[in-house]
Structures are given as structure tokens and as C-alpha cells.
Amino acid sequence: KAEKLGNFPPSLTYWLEFIEHYNDSA
């Protein structure tokens, strides 16, 4: 549900990105 909400502070958005896409180097 996190991506659908999307209204997070930038730091939390970066951590969500890391957790979901840590294996995508680019």
C-alpha cells in the first residue's frame, strides 16, 4: 500500500525505495 499513498517525507520515500528496489543499481 505504501506506493499508493505516496505522501511521505523524502527520507522515508528513499528508505521505501531502498527496501523495494535495493537490487536495482541504477
PDB file of all heavy atoms in Angstrom:
ATOM      1  N   LYS A   1       0.803  -1.212   0.000  1.00  0.00           N
ATOM      2  CA  LYS A   1       0.000   0.000   0.000  1.00  0.00           C
ATOM      3  C   LYS A   1       0.846   1.276   0.000  1.00  0.00           C
ATOM      4  O   LYS A   1       0.352   2.353  -0.294  1.00  0.00           O
ATOM      5  CB  LYS A   1      -0.919   0.026   1.222  1.00  0.00           C
ATOM      6  CG  LYS A   1      -1.953  -1.070   1.211  1.00  0.00           C
ATOM      7  CD  LYS A   1      -2.804  -1.007   2.451  1.00  0.00           C
ATOM      8  CE  LYS A   1      -3.814  -2.125   2.467  1.00  0.00           C
ATOM      9  NZ  LYS A   1      -4.596  -2.111   3.707  1.00  0.00           N
ATOM     10  N   ALA A   2       2.111   1.165   0.337  1.00  0.00           N
ATOM     11  CA  ALA A   2       2.962   2.341   0.511  1.00  0.00           C
ATOM     12  C   ALA A   2       3.069   3.180  -0.751  1.00  0.00           C
ATOM     13  O   ALA A   2       2.962   4.404  -0.692  1.00  0.00           O
ATOM     14  CB  ALA A   2       4.353   1.923   0.983  1.00  0.00           C
ATOM     15  N   GLU A   3       3.263   2.532  -1.906  1.00  0.00           N
ATOM     16  CA  GLU A   3       3.401   3.295  -3.149  1.00  0.00           C
ATOM     17  C   GLU A   3       2.121   4.035  -3.503  1.00  0.00           C
ATOM     18  O   GLU A   3       2.152   5.110  -4.069  1.00  0.00           O
ATOM     19  CB  GLU A   3       3.811   2.376  -4.295  1.00  0.00           C
ATOM     20  CG  GLU A   3       5.288   2.097  -4.321  1.00  0.00           C
ATOM     21  CD  GLU A   3       5.705   1.344  -5.575  1.00  0.00           C
ATOM     22  OE1 GLU A   3       4.977   1.365  -6.584  1.00  0.00           O
ATOM     23  OE2 GLU A   3       6.777   0.728  -5.527  1.00  0.00           O
ATOM     24  N   LYS A   4       0.985   3.465  -3.151  1.00  0.00           N
ATOM     25  CA  LYS A   4      -0.295   4.101  -3.467  1.00  0.00           C
ATOM     26  C   LYS A   4      -0.513   5.359  -2.633  1.00  0.00           C
ATOM     27  O   LYS A   4      -1.114   6.315  -3.094  1.00  0.00           O
ATOM     28  CB  LYS A   4      -1.440   3.124  -3.240  1.00  0.00           C
ATOM     29  CG  LYS A   4      -1.427   1.954  -4.188  1.00  0.00           C
ATOM     30  CD  LYS A   4      -2.512   0.971  -3.859  1.00  0.00           C
ATOM     31  CE  LYS A   4      -2.356  -0.264  -4.729  1.00  0.00           C
ATOM     32  NZ  LYS A   4      -3.237  -1.340  -4.308  1.00  0.00           N
ATOM     33  N   LEU A   5      -0.008   5.349  -1.404  1.00  0.00           N
ATOM     34  CA  LEU A   5      -0.178   6.513  -0.535  1.00  0.00           C
ATOM     35  C   LEU A   5       0.729   7.649  -0.977  1.00  0.00           C
ATOM     36  O   LEU A   5       0.289   8.756  -1.183  1.00  0.00           O
ATOM     37  CB  LEU A   5       0.097   6.139   0.924  1.00  0.00           C
ATOM     38  CG  LEU A   5      -0.843   5.112   1.525  1.00  0.00           C
ATOM     39  CD1 LEU A   5      -0.362   4.723   2.907  1.00  0.00           C
ATOM     40  CD2 LEU A   5      -2.255   5.638   1.579  1.00  0.00           C
ATOM     41  N   GLY A   6       2.018   7.366  -1.052  1.00  0.00           N
ATOM     42  CA  GLY A   6       2.986   8.264  -1.637  1.00  0.00           C
ATOM     43  C   GLY A   6       3.206   9.634  -1.036  1.00  0.00           C
ATOM     44  O   GLY A   6       3.981  10.396  -1.551  1.00  0.00           O
ATOM     45  N   ASN A   7       2.563   9.990   0.043  1.00  0.00           N
ATOM     46  CA  ASN A   7       2.735  11.317   0.610  1.00  0.00           C
ATOM     47  C   ASN A   7       3.588  11.237   1.878  1.00  0.00           C
ATOM     48  O   ASN A   7       3.118  11.484   2.971  1.00  0.00           O
ATOM     49  CB  ASN A   7       1.362  11.935   0.915  1.00  0.00           C
ATOM     50  CG  ASN A   7       1.462  13.405   1.226  1.00  0.00           C
ATOM     51  OD1 ASN A   7       2.457  14.046   0.939  1.00  0.00           O
ATOM     52  ND2 ASN A   7       0.421  13.948   1.822  1.00  0.00           N
ATOM     53  N   PHE A   8       4.862  10.881   1.702  1.00  0.00           N
ATOM     54  CA  PHE A   8       5.774  10.692   2.821  1.00  0.00           C
ATOM     55  C   PHE A   8       6.876  11.738   2.790  1.00  0.00           C
ATOM     56  O   PHE A   8       7.176  12.304   1.735  1.00  0.00           O
ATOM     57  CB  PHE A   8       6.430   9.308   2.754  1.00  0.00           C
ATOM     58  CG  PHE A   8       5.452   8.176   2.801  1.00  0.00           C
ATOM     59  CD1 PHE A   8       5.303   7.321   1.727  1.00  0.00           C
ATOM     60  CD2 PHE A   8       4.682   7.953   3.922  1.00  0.00           C
ATOM     61  CE1 PHE A   8       4.413   6.273   1.771  1.00  0.00           C
ATOM     62  CE2 PHE A   8       3.780   6.897   3.984  1.00  0.00           C
ATOM     63  CZ  PHE A   8       3.656   6.059   2.897  1.00  0.00           C
ATOM     64  N   PRO A   9       7.539  11.955   3.913  1.00  0.00           N
ATOM     65  CA  PRO A   9       8.726  12.819   3.905  1.00  0.00           C
ATOM     66  C   PRO A   9       9.773  12.207   2.966  1.00  0.00           C
ATOM     67  O   PRO A   9       9.820  10.977   2.809  1.00  0.00           O
ATOM     68  CB  PRO A   9       9.218  12.792   5.347  1.00  0.00           C
ATOM     69  CG  PRO A   9       8.169  12.135   6.150  1.00  0.00           C
ATOM     70  CD  PRO A   9       7.249  11.413   5.222  1.00  0.00           C
ATOM     71  N   PRO A  10      10.616  13.026   2.352  1.00  0.00           N
ATOM     72  CA  PRO A  10      11.608  12.499   1.404  1.00  0.00           C
ATOM     73  C   PRO A  10      12.474  11.383   1.984  1.00  0.00           C
ATOM     74  O   PRO A  10      12.724  10.379   1.309  1.00  0.00           O
ATOM     75  CB  PRO A  10      12.451  13.717   1.042  1.00  0.00           C
ATOM     76  CG  PRO A  10      11.544  14.871   1.273  1.00  0.00           C
ATOM     77  CD  PRO A  10      10.661  14.475   2.428  1.00  0.00           C
ATOM     78  N   SER A  11      12.909  11.514   3.222  1.00  0.00           N
ATOM     79  CA  SER A  11      13.782  10.479   3.788  1.00  0.00           C
ATOM     80  C   SER A  11      13.071   9.132   3.840  1.00  0.00           C
ATOM     81  O   SER A  11      13.660   8.101   3.519  1.00  0.00           O
ATOM     82  CB  SER A  11      14.263  10.881   5.179  1.00  0.00           C
ATOM     83  OG  SER A  11      13.167  11.095   6.045  1.00  0.00           O
ATOM     84  N   LEU A  12      11.802   9.113   4.190  1.00  0.00           N
ATOM     85  CA  LEU A  12      11.052   7.857   4.239  1.00  0.00           C
ATOM     86  C   LEU A  12      10.835   7.306   2.833  1.00  0.00           C
ATOM     87  O   LEU A  12      10.905   6.102   2.604  1.00  0.00           O
ATOM     88  CB  LEU A  12       9.723   8.054   4.960  1.00  0.00           C
ATOM     89  CG  LEU A  12       8.870   6.805   5.148  1.00  0.00           C
ATOM     90  CD1 LEU A  12       9.643   5.697   5.857  1.00  0.00           C
ATOM     91  CD2 LEU A  12       7.609   7.147   5.913  1.00  0.00           C
ATOM     92  N   THR A  13      10.599   8.187   1.887  1.00  0.00           N
ATOM     93  CA  THR A  13      10.447   7.764   0.492  1.00  0.00           C
ATOM     94  C   THR A  13      11.712   7.080   0.006  1.00  0.00           C
ATOM     95  O   THR A  13      11.648   6.044  -0.663  1.00  0.00           O
ATOM     96  CB  THR A  13      10.123   8.976  -0.402  1.00  0.00           C
ATOM     97  OG1 THR A  13       8.929   9.584   0.079  1.00  0.00           O
ATOM     98  CG2 THR A  13       9.943   8.570  -1.849  1.00  0.00           C
ATOM     99  N   TYR A  14      12.886   7.613   0.361  1.00  0.00           N
ATOM    100  CA  TYR A  14      14.154   6.989  -0.033  1.00  0.00           C
ATOM    101  C   TYR A  14      14.308   5.613   0.596  1.00  0.00           C
ATOM    102  O   TYR A  14      14.766   4.668  -0.049  1.00  0.00           O
ATOM    103  CB  TYR A  14      15.340   7.866   0.359  1.00  0.00           C
ATOM    104  CG  TYR A  14      15.399   9.185  -0.370  1.00  0.00           C
ATOM    105  CD1 TYR A  14      15.724  10.347   0.302  1.00  0.00           C
ATOM    106  CD2 TYR A  14      15.130   9.278  -1.730  1.00  0.00           C
ATOM    107  CE1 TYR A  14      15.787  11.565  -0.352  1.00  0.00           C
ATOM    108  CE2 TYR A  14      15.186  10.489  -2.392  1.00  0.00           C
ATOM    109  CZ  TYR A  14      15.518  11.627  -1.701  1.00  0.00           C
ATOM    110  OH  TYR A  14      15.587  12.830  -2.357  1.00  0.00           O
ATOM    111  N   TRP A  15      13.920   5.471   1.866  1.00  0.00           N
ATOM    112  CA  TRP A  15      14.021   4.169   2.527  1.00  0.00           C
ATOM    113  C   TRP A  15      13.059   3.158   1.898  1.00  0.00           C
ATOM    114  O   TRP A  15      13.421   1.992   1.720  1.00  0.00           O
ATOM    115  CB  TRP A  15      13.767   4.288   4.027  1.00  0.00           C
ATOM    116  CG  TRP A  15      14.981   4.792   4.746  1.00  0.00           C
ATOM    117  CD1 TRP A  15      15.110   5.972   5.408  1.00  0.00           C
ATOM    118  CD2 TRP A  15      16.244   4.142   4.861  1.00  0.00           C
ATOM    119  NE1 TRP A  15      16.370   6.095   5.922  1.00  0.00           N
ATOM    120  CE2 TRP A  15      17.097   4.981   5.606  1.00  0.00           C
ATOM    121  CE3 TRP A  15      16.757   2.933   4.402  1.00  0.00           C
ATOM    122  CZ2 TRP A  15      18.414   4.646   5.902  1.00  0.00           C
ATOM    123  CZ3 TRP A  15      18.064   2.594   4.696  1.00  0.00           C
ATOM    124  CH2 TRP A  15      18.885   3.443   5.437  1.00  0.00           C
ATOM    125  N   LEU A  16      11.863   3.589   1.551  1.00  0.00           N
ATOM    126  CA  LEU A  16      10.926   2.685   0.877  1.00  0.00           C
ATOM    127  C   LEU A  16      11.504   2.228  -0.458  1.00  0.00           C
ATOM    128  O   LEU A  16      11.413   1.050  -0.815  1.00  0.00           O
ATOM    129  CB  LEU A  16       9.581   3.369   0.657  1.00  0.00           C
ATOM    130  CG  LEU A  16       8.726   3.568   1.896  1.00  0.00           C
ATOM    131  CD1 LEU A  16       7.547   4.477   1.583  1.00  0.00           C
ATOM    132  CD2 LEU A  16       8.255   2.246   2.449  1.00  0.00           C
ATOM    133  N   GLU A  17      12.091   3.151  -1.172  1.00  0.00           N
ATOM    134  CA  GLU A  17      12.721   2.833  -2.455  1.00  0.00           C
ATOM    135  C   GLU A  17      13.835   1.806  -2.250  1.00  0.00           C
ATOM    136  O   GLU A  17      13.960   0.837  -2.996  1.00  0.00           O
ATOM    137  CB  GLU A  17      13.287   4.128  -3.059  1.00  0.00           C
ATOM    138  CG  GLU A  17      13.799   3.984  -4.446  1.00  0.00           C
ATOM    139  CD  GLU A  17      12.711   4.170  -5.484  1.00  0.00           C
ATOM    140  OE1 GLU A  17      11.564   4.483  -5.133  1.00  0.00           O
ATOM    141  OE2 GLU A  17      13.032   3.982  -6.663  1.00  0.00           O
ATOM    142  N   PHE A  18      14.633   2.009  -1.224  1.00  0.00           N
ATOM    143  CA  PHE A  18      15.725   1.084  -0.904  1.00  0.00           C
ATOM    144  C   PHE A  18      15.190  -0.315  -0.589  1.00  0.00           C
ATOM    145  O   PHE A  18      15.679  -1.315  -1.118  1.00  0.00           O
ATOM    146  CB  PHE A  18      16.526   1.624   0.279  1.00  0.00           C
ATOM    147  CG  PHE A  18      17.538   0.661   0.821  1.00  0.00           C
ATOM    148  CD1 PHE A  18      18.705   0.403   0.130  1.00  0.00           C
ATOM    149  CD2 PHE A  18      17.321   0.018   2.029  1.00  0.00           C
ATOM    150  CE1 PHE A  18      19.650  -0.488   0.630  1.00  0.00           C
ATOM    151  CE2 PHE A  18      18.254  -0.860   2.544  1.00  0.00           C
ATOM    152  CZ  PHE A  18      19.416  -1.115   1.837  1.00  0.00           C
ATOM    153  N   ILE A  19      14.187  -0.389   0.256  1.00  0.00           N
ATOM    154  CA  ILE A  19      13.646  -1.680   0.676  1.00  0.00           C
ATOM    155  C   ILE A  19      13.060  -2.448  -0.515  1.00  0.00           C
ATOM    156  O   ILE A  19      13.255  -3.654  -0.643  1.00  0.00           O
ATOM    157  CB  ILE A  19      12.587  -1.488   1.779  1.00  0.00           C
ATOM    158  CG1 ILE A  19      13.269  -1.010   3.061  1.00  0.00           C
ATOM    159  CG2 ILE A  19      11.801  -2.767   2.025  1.00  0.00           C
ATOM    160  CD1 ILE A  19      12.315  -0.476   4.111  1.00  0.00           C
ATOM    161  N   GLU A  20      12.395  -1.751  -1.394  1.00  0.00           N
ATOM    162  CA  GLU A  20      11.747  -2.412  -2.524  1.00  0.00           C
ATOM    163  C   GLU A  20      12.675  -2.660  -3.714  1.00  0.00           C
ATOM    164  O   GLU A  20      12.463  -3.602  -4.466  1.00  0.00           O
ATOM    165  CB  GLU A  20      10.551  -1.592  -3.000  1.00  0.00           C
ATOM    166  CG  GLU A  20       9.407  -1.591  -2.004  1.00  0.00           C
ATOM    167  CD  GLU A  20       8.160  -0.998  -2.590  1.00  0.00           C
ATOM    168  OE1 GLU A  20       7.489  -1.701  -3.377  1.00  0.00           O
ATOM    169  OE2 GLU A  20       7.867   0.167  -2.271  1.00  0.00           O
ATOM    170  N   HIS A  21      13.688  -1.819  -3.897  1.00  0.00           N
ATOM    171  CA  HIS A  21      14.476  -1.877  -5.135  1.00  0.00           C
ATOM    172  C   HIS A  21      15.990  -1.910  -4.880  1.00  0.00           C
ATOM    173  O   HIS A  21      16.754  -1.448  -5.720  1.00  0.00           O
ATOM    174  CB  HIS A  21      14.132  -0.679  -6.023  1.00  0.00           C
ATOM    175  CG  HIS A  21      12.682  -0.565  -6.316  1.00  0.00           C
ATOM    176  ND1 HIS A  21      12.010  -1.409  -7.169  1.00  0.00           N
ATOM    177  CD2 HIS A  21      11.740   0.293  -5.829  1.00  0.00           C
ATOM    178  CE1 HIS A  21      10.734  -1.075  -7.217  1.00  0.00           C
ATOM    179  NE2 HIS A  21      10.545  -0.046  -6.411  1.00  0.00           N
ATOM    180  N   TYR A  22      16.408  -2.463  -3.753  1.00  0.00           N
ATOM    181  CA  TYR A  22      17.836  -2.466  -3.412  1.00  0.00           C
ATOM    182  C   TYR A  22      18.697  -3.173  -4.455  1.00  0.00           C
ATOM    183  O   TYR A  22      19.880  -2.896  -4.576  1.00  0.00           O
ATOM    184  CB  TYR A  22      18.067  -3.105  -2.035  1.00  0.00           C
ATOM    185  CG  TYR A  22      17.752  -4.576  -2.008  1.00  0.00           C
ATOM    186  CD1 TYR A  22      18.729  -5.521  -2.294  1.00  0.00           C
ATOM    187  CD2 TYR A  22      16.471  -5.024  -1.734  1.00  0.00           C
ATOM    188  CE1 TYR A  22      18.438  -6.869  -2.293  1.00  0.00           C
ATOM    189  CE2 TYR A  22      16.173  -6.360  -1.729  1.00  0.00           C
ATOM    190  CZ  TYR A  22      17.162  -7.286  -2.013  1.00  0.00           C
ATOM    191  OH  TYR A  22      16.870  -8.614  -2.008  1.00  0.00           O
ATOM    192  N   ASN A  23      18.114  -4.091  -5.227  1.00  0.00           N
ATOM    193  CA  ASN A  23      18.898  -4.823  -6.217  1.00  0.00           C
ATOM    194  C   ASN A  23      18.954  -4.139  -7.583  1.00  0.00           C
ATOM    195  O   ASN A  23      19.550  -4.663  -8.506  1.00  0.00           O
ATOM    196  CB  ASN A  23      18.370  -6.246  -6.355  1.00  0.00           C
ATOM    197  CG  ASN A  23      16.911  -6.291  -6.748  1.00  0.00           C
ATOM    198  OD1 ASN A  23      16.222  -5.272  -6.711  1.00  0.00           O
ATOM    199  ND2 ASN A  23      16.426  -7.458  -7.105  1.00  0.00           N
ATOM    200  N   ASP A  24      18.375  -2.970  -7.716  1.00  0.00           N
ATOM    201  CA  ASP A  24      18.407  -2.198  -8.957  1.00  0.00           C
ATOM    202  C   ASP A  24      19.466  -1.101  -8.813  1.00  0.00           C
ATOM    203  O   ASP A  24      19.203  -0.026  -8.282  1.00  0.00           O
ATOM    204  CB  ASP A  24      17.027  -1.601  -9.221  1.00  0.00           C
ATOM    205  CG  ASP A  24      16.937  -0.824 -10.526  1.00  0.00           C
ATOM    206  OD1 ASP A  24      17.995  -0.465 -11.094  1.00  0.00           O
ATOM    207  OD2 ASP A  24      15.802  -0.555 -10.958  1.00  0.00           O
ATOM    208  N   SER A  25      20.675  -1.386  -9.281  1.00  0.00           N
ATOM    209  CA  SER A  25      21.815  -0.475  -9.088  1.00  0.00           C
ATOM    210  C   SER A  25      21.561   0.915  -9.639  1.00  0.00           C
ATOM    211  O   SER A  25      21.886   1.910  -8.989  1.00  0.00           O
ATOM    212  CB  SER A  25      23.071  -1.047  -9.741  1.00  0.00           C
ATOM    213  OG  SER A  25      23.439  -2.231  -9.091  1.00  0.00           O
ATOM    214  N   ALA A  26      20.994   0.999 -10.846  1.00  0.00           N
ATOM    215  CA  ALA A  26      20.751   2.313 -11.452  1.00  0.00           C
ATOM    216  C   ALA A  26      19.801   3.131 -10.583  1.00  0.00           C
ATOM    217  O   ALA A  26      20.028   4.327 -10.347  1.00  0.00           O
ATOM    218  CB  ALA A  26      20.184   2.151 -12.853  1.00  0.00           C
TER     219      ALA A  26
END
